[in-house]
Protein backbone atom coordinates (compact mmCIF):
# COMPACT_ATOMS: atom_id res chain seq x y z
CA MET A 1 -22.48 42.85 13.59
CA ASN A 2 -19.01 44.05 12.59
CA SER A 3 -17.36 41.79 15.19
CA VAL A 4 -19.09 38.78 13.63
CA LEU A 5 -17.55 39.57 10.24
CA ILE A 6 -14.01 39.88 11.63
CA LEU A 7 -12.09 36.67 11.03
CA ASN A 8 -9.07 35.56 13.01
CA LYS A 9 -6.02 34.00 11.37
CA ARG A 10 -7.07 30.40 11.97
CA GLN A 11 -10.45 31.02 10.34
CA LYS A 12 -8.75 32.67 7.36
CA ILE A 13 -6.39 29.70 7.02
CA VAL A 14 -9.33 27.28 7.05
CA ILE A 15 -11.13 29.31 4.37
CA SER A 16 -7.99 29.53 2.22
CA SER A 17 -7.39 25.78 2.50
CA PHE A 18 -11.01 25.08 1.55
CA PHE A 19 -10.99 27.26 -1.57
CA LEU A 20 -7.65 25.88 -2.76
CA THR A 21 -8.94 22.33 -2.27
CA ILE A 22 -11.93 23.22 -4.45
CA GLY A 23 -9.53 24.70 -6.97
CA LEU A 24 -7.51 21.48 -6.98
CA LEU A 25 -10.64 19.41 -7.56
CA SER A 26 -11.54 21.72 -10.44
CA THR A 27 -8.64 20.32 -12.44
CA GLN A 28 -11.01 17.48 -13.32
CA LEU A 29 -13.04 20.01 -15.33
CA VAL A 30 -10.17 21.87 -17.01
CA ASP A 31 -9.37 21.23 -20.66
CA PHE A 32 -5.94 19.60 -20.97
CA ASN A 33 -4.78 22.38 -23.31
CA LEU A 34 -5.47 24.97 -20.59
CA ARG A 35 -3.55 23.19 -17.83
CA PHE A 36 -0.64 25.66 -17.75
CA GLN A 37 -2.94 28.68 -17.52
CA PHE A 38 -4.90 26.93 -14.80
CA LEU A 39 -1.77 26.07 -12.81
CA GLY A 40 -0.60 29.69 -13.07
CA GLY A 41 -3.98 30.95 -11.87
CA LEU A 42 -4.02 28.46 -8.99
CA GLY A 43 -0.53 29.56 -7.98
CA VAL A 44 -1.60 33.22 -7.96
CA LEU A 45 -4.69 32.29 -5.93
CA ALA A 46 -2.53 30.38 -3.43
CA TYR A 47 -0.25 33.41 -3.05
CA LEU A 48 -3.12 35.87 -2.54
CA LEU A 49 -5.03 33.65 -0.11
CA SER A 50 -1.85 32.94 1.88
CA LEU A 51 -1.04 36.65 2.02
CA TRP A 52 -4.59 37.41 3.17
CA SER A 53 -4.43 34.69 5.84
CA LEU A 54 -1.12 35.88 7.28
CA TRP A 55 -1.57 39.61 6.68
CA ASP A 56 -1.08 40.79 10.28
CA GLY A 57 2.61 41.52 10.84
CA ILE A 58 3.57 41.02 7.18
CA ASN A 59 6.29 43.25 5.74
CA LEU A 60 7.69 43.33 2.21
CA THR A 61 10.28 40.61 2.85
CA LYS A 62 7.73 38.27 4.42
CA ALA A 63 5.26 38.97 1.62
CA PHE A 64 7.86 37.48 -0.69
CA VAL A 65 9.65 34.79 1.33
CA LEU A 66 6.79 33.38 3.42
CA MET A 67 4.57 32.99 0.34
CA ILE A 68 7.11 30.95 -1.65
CA LEU A 69 6.32 27.62 -0.01
CA PRO A 70 2.48 27.87 -0.04
CA THR A 71 2.56 28.95 -3.69
CA PHE A 72 5.07 26.31 -4.80
CA PHE A 73 3.42 23.56 -2.77
CA THR A 74 0.07 24.30 -4.38
CA VAL A 75 1.52 24.37 -7.90
CA ALA A 76 3.53 21.21 -7.17
CA VAL A 77 0.53 19.20 -5.98
CA ALA A 78 -1.70 20.55 -8.77
CA SER A 79 0.93 19.69 -11.40
CA PHE A 80 1.24 16.18 -10.03
CA TYR A 81 -2.56 16.01 -9.78
CA PHE A 82 -2.83 16.23 -13.57
CA LEU A 83 -0.78 13.02 -13.82
CA LEU A 84 -3.19 11.02 -11.64
CA PRO A 85 -5.85 8.75 -13.17
CA VAL A 86 -9.03 10.66 -14.00
CA ARG A 87 -11.07 8.99 -11.27
CA TRP A 88 -12.78 10.61 -8.29
CA LEU A 89 -11.85 7.58 -6.20
CA THR A 90 -8.20 8.55 -6.65
CA ARG A 91 -8.34 12.32 -6.83
CA LEU A 92 -10.84 13.06 -4.05
CA PRO A 93 -8.70 11.59 -1.21
CA VAL A 94 -5.62 13.38 -2.61
CA ALA A 95 -7.51 16.69 -2.63
CA VAL A 96 -8.65 16.18 0.98
CA ILE A 97 -5.09 15.37 2.07
CA PHE A 98 -3.88 18.47 0.24
CA GLY A 99 -6.41 20.65 2.08
CA LEU A 100 -5.27 19.32 5.45
CA THR A 101 -1.56 19.66 4.64
CA PHE A 102 -2.01 23.17 3.25
CA TYR A 103 -3.76 24.12 6.49
CA LEU A 104 -0.77 22.83 8.47
CA LEU A 105 1.62 24.57 6.09
CA LEU A 106 -0.01 27.95 6.64
CA LEU A 107 0.04 27.39 10.40
CA ALA A 108 3.80 26.80 10.15
CA GLN A 109 4.27 29.94 8.05
CA ASN A 110 2.26 31.89 10.60
CA VAL A 111 4.64 30.72 13.32
CA PHE A 112 7.56 32.16 11.30
CA ASN A 113 5.59 35.37 10.85
CA VAL A 114 5.13 35.73 14.60
CA ALA A 115 8.52 34.28 15.63
CA SER A 116 10.31 36.99 13.66
CA LEU A 117 8.82 39.48 16.13
CA ARG A 118 9.06 37.52 19.36
CA THR A 119 10.24 34.11 20.56
CA ILE A 120 7.55 31.42 20.63
CA PRO A 121 7.87 27.73 21.60
CA LEU A 122 6.37 26.40 18.33
CA TYR A 123 9.27 27.55 16.17
CA ARG A 124 11.09 24.21 16.13
CA ALA A 125 7.95 22.28 15.15
CA ALA A 126 7.17 24.83 12.43
CA SER A 127 10.74 24.63 11.15
CA THR A 128 10.53 20.84 10.88
CA ALA A 129 7.14 21.00 9.15
CA SER A 130 8.35 23.64 6.70
CA PHE A 131 11.42 21.56 5.86
CA LEU A 132 9.21 18.54 5.18
CA PHE A 133 6.80 20.51 2.99
CA THR A 134 9.76 21.93 1.07
CA LEU A 135 11.02 18.44 0.27
CA LEU A 136 7.53 17.29 -0.76
CA ALA A 137 7.10 20.30 -3.05
CA ALA A 138 10.54 19.66 -4.55
CA PHE A 139 9.75 15.98 -5.15
CA PHE A 140 6.47 16.74 -6.94
CA LEU A 141 7.98 19.53 -9.02
CA TYR A 142 11.03 17.47 -9.99
CA HIS A 143 8.70 14.62 -10.96
CA VAL A 144 6.69 16.90 -13.24
CA ILE A 145 9.82 18.50 -14.74
CA PHE A 146 11.27 15.13 -15.70
CA ALA A 147 7.89 13.93 -17.01
CA PHE A 148 8.02 16.67 -19.67
CA ASN A 149 11.12 15.05 -21.23
CA LEU A 150 12.89 18.37 -21.63
CA LEU A 151 16.33 18.82 -23.14
CA PHE A 152 18.97 18.06 -20.49
CA LEU A 153 20.03 21.74 -20.37
CA TRP A 154 16.48 22.83 -19.58
CA ASN A 155 16.23 20.20 -16.86
CA GLY A 156 19.22 21.82 -15.19
CA VAL A 157 17.92 25.37 -15.58
CA VAL A 158 14.37 24.68 -14.37
CA VAL A 159 15.55 22.59 -11.40
CA PHE A 160 17.99 25.38 -10.49
CA LEU A 161 15.24 28.04 -10.51
CA VAL A 162 12.75 25.94 -8.55
CA SER A 163 15.37 24.84 -6.01
CA PHE A 164 16.70 28.39 -5.54
CA LEU A 165 13.39 29.76 -4.27
CA LEU A 166 12.61 26.71 -2.13
CA ILE A 167 16.04 26.78 -0.51
CA LEU A 168 15.92 30.56 -0.05
CA GLN A 169 12.83 30.44 2.15
CA VAL A 170 14.26 27.65 4.31
CA LEU A 171 17.56 29.44 4.93
CA TRP A 172 15.78 32.74 5.63
CA SER A 173 13.58 31.07 8.27
CA ILE A 174 16.64 30.33 10.42
CA GLU A 175 17.39 33.97 11.27
CA MET A 176 14.20 35.64 9.92
CA GLU A 177 15.82 39.01 9.32
CA ASP A 178 13.91 42.03 8.01
CA ARG A 179 15.73 41.63 4.72
CA VAL A 180 17.15 38.56 3.02
CA SER A 181 20.86 38.81 3.79
CA LEU A 182 23.59 38.45 1.19
CA PRO A 183 24.91 35.15 2.70
CA VAL A 184 21.42 33.62 2.35
CA TRP A 185 21.26 34.69 -1.31
CA VAL A 186 24.74 33.28 -1.97
CA GLN A 187 24.19 29.99 -0.15
CA SER A 188 20.83 29.51 -1.88
CA PHE A 189 22.50 30.12 -5.24
CA ILE A 190 25.32 27.64 -4.57
CA LEU A 191 23.05 24.85 -3.30
CA SER A 192 20.54 25.28 -6.12
CA LEU A 193 23.37 25.38 -8.66
CA ILE A 194 24.57 22.01 -7.38
CA LEU A 195 21.05 20.60 -7.70
CA GLY A 196 20.76 22.03 -11.20
CA GLU A 197 24.02 20.37 -12.19
CA LEU A 198 22.84 17.08 -10.68
CA ALA A 199 19.60 17.36 -12.66
CA LEU A 200 21.59 17.93 -15.82
CA SER A 201 23.75 14.88 -15.07
CA PHE A 202 20.80 12.67 -14.08
CA SER A 203 19.15 13.50 -17.41
CA PHE A 204 21.52 10.94 -18.94
CA TRP A 205 20.64 8.36 -16.28
CA PRO A 206 18.08 5.85 -17.64
CA ALA A 207 16.05 6.00 -14.45
CA PRO A 208 12.25 6.05 -14.08
CA THR A 209 10.68 9.44 -13.38
CA THR A 210 9.99 8.62 -9.73
CA ILE A 211 13.59 7.54 -9.11
CA TRP A 212 14.89 10.69 -10.82
CA SER A 213 12.78 12.99 -8.63
CA LEU A 214 13.47 10.95 -5.49
CA THR A 215 17.22 11.14 -6.06
CA LEU A 216 17.14 14.91 -6.61
CA SER A 217 14.89 15.61 -3.62
CA SER A 218 17.16 13.41 -1.48
CA ALA A 219 20.12 15.46 -2.67
CA MET A 220 18.23 18.58 -1.61
CA TYR A 221 17.60 16.97 1.79
CA VAL A 222 21.30 16.29 2.29
CA LEU A 223 22.54 19.68 1.05
CA LEU A 224 19.88 21.73 2.79
CA GLY A 225 20.17 19.67 5.97
CA LEU A 226 23.92 20.23 6.18
CA ALA A 227 23.49 23.95 5.43
CA THR A 228 20.81 24.50 8.09
CA GLN A 229 22.74 22.53 10.71
CA THR A 230 25.80 24.65 9.94
CA LEU A 231 23.87 27.92 10.28
CA LYS A 232 22.37 26.72 13.56
CA GLY A 233 25.81 25.77 14.90
CA ARG A 234 24.86 22.11 15.33
CA LEU A 235 27.05 20.55 12.67
CA ASN A 236 29.40 17.84 13.92
CA ARG A 237 30.96 14.65 12.59
CA ARG A 238 27.99 12.48 13.61
CA VAL A 239 25.49 14.71 11.80
CA VAL A 240 27.66 14.79 8.66
CA TRP A 241 27.91 11.00 8.58
CA GLU A 242 24.16 10.65 9.09
CA TYR A 243 23.45 12.79 6.04
CA ILE A 244 26.13 11.05 3.99
CA PHE A 245 24.70 7.66 4.94
CA ILE A 246 21.21 8.72 3.81
CA GLY A 247 22.52 10.20 0.56
CA VAL A 248 24.57 7.11 -0.31
CA GLY A 249 21.65 4.85 0.63
CA VAL A 250 19.27 6.64 -1.74
CA LEU A 251 21.91 6.62 -4.49
CA VAL A 252 22.37 2.84 -4.13
CA VAL A 253 18.61 2.25 -4.23
CA SER A 254 18.33 4.47 -7.31
CA PHE A 255 21.16 2.56 -8.99
CA LEU A 256 19.54 -0.81 -8.27
CA ALA A 257 16.10 0.42 -9.42
CA THR A 258 17.44 1.61 -12.77
CA SER A 259 17.04 -0.55 -15.85
CA TRP A 260 20.47 -0.38 -17.45
CA GLY A 261 19.45 -2.61 -20.34
CA GLY A 262 17.60 0.27 -22.06
């Protein structure tokens, strides 16, 4: 009987993804004035369920770093979810996609949890997936931040704080040390400071919300991509030019998509 009640990690991840999907759907029933409290509660639930799912092998550092992305991704999607039309035809497919992506996200975080103890072949795939989920979370969060029409200084501060934690967990996943090293803290601070300054500058750019968030998340892609390639010892002239080309391309598209007539 006891063996039946023991759940393995994959089963825990499925259960966590299911309950968070239900939580996301519940935003349809939440009073608009309670949306911030609900988002906070959903973020706490995402953290606790992720911690429960990945509990085996978790130390204090992992309990902090590995839970950043699941928590932020959940809050990011839920925040964006509030902006969708109040129709089940729109929100139900989004919730289902979220459940599937959160399942994959936790699988990737579990790979980091195990890979910090021993070498496993899935690390590269998990690293790519985590990088992608980080960019998606950043895009959704930047979109919501700009949608609030905050003072330009607050745009810079909030983007800096959000970016710092997202970048921190990506840089830590390269070496996966028992403690977050000082270089990782410093590099995360510098990269997020640049993004915060860009957010402050872009606040004066008459761009639509989507273009604003796309430009910032693309900047994160370029900065974080160059940083990770450097730490992995793979940075060369070709890689630098590839990232520069992508960054300039997005900037040109953003410029053309902006209505400069006011």
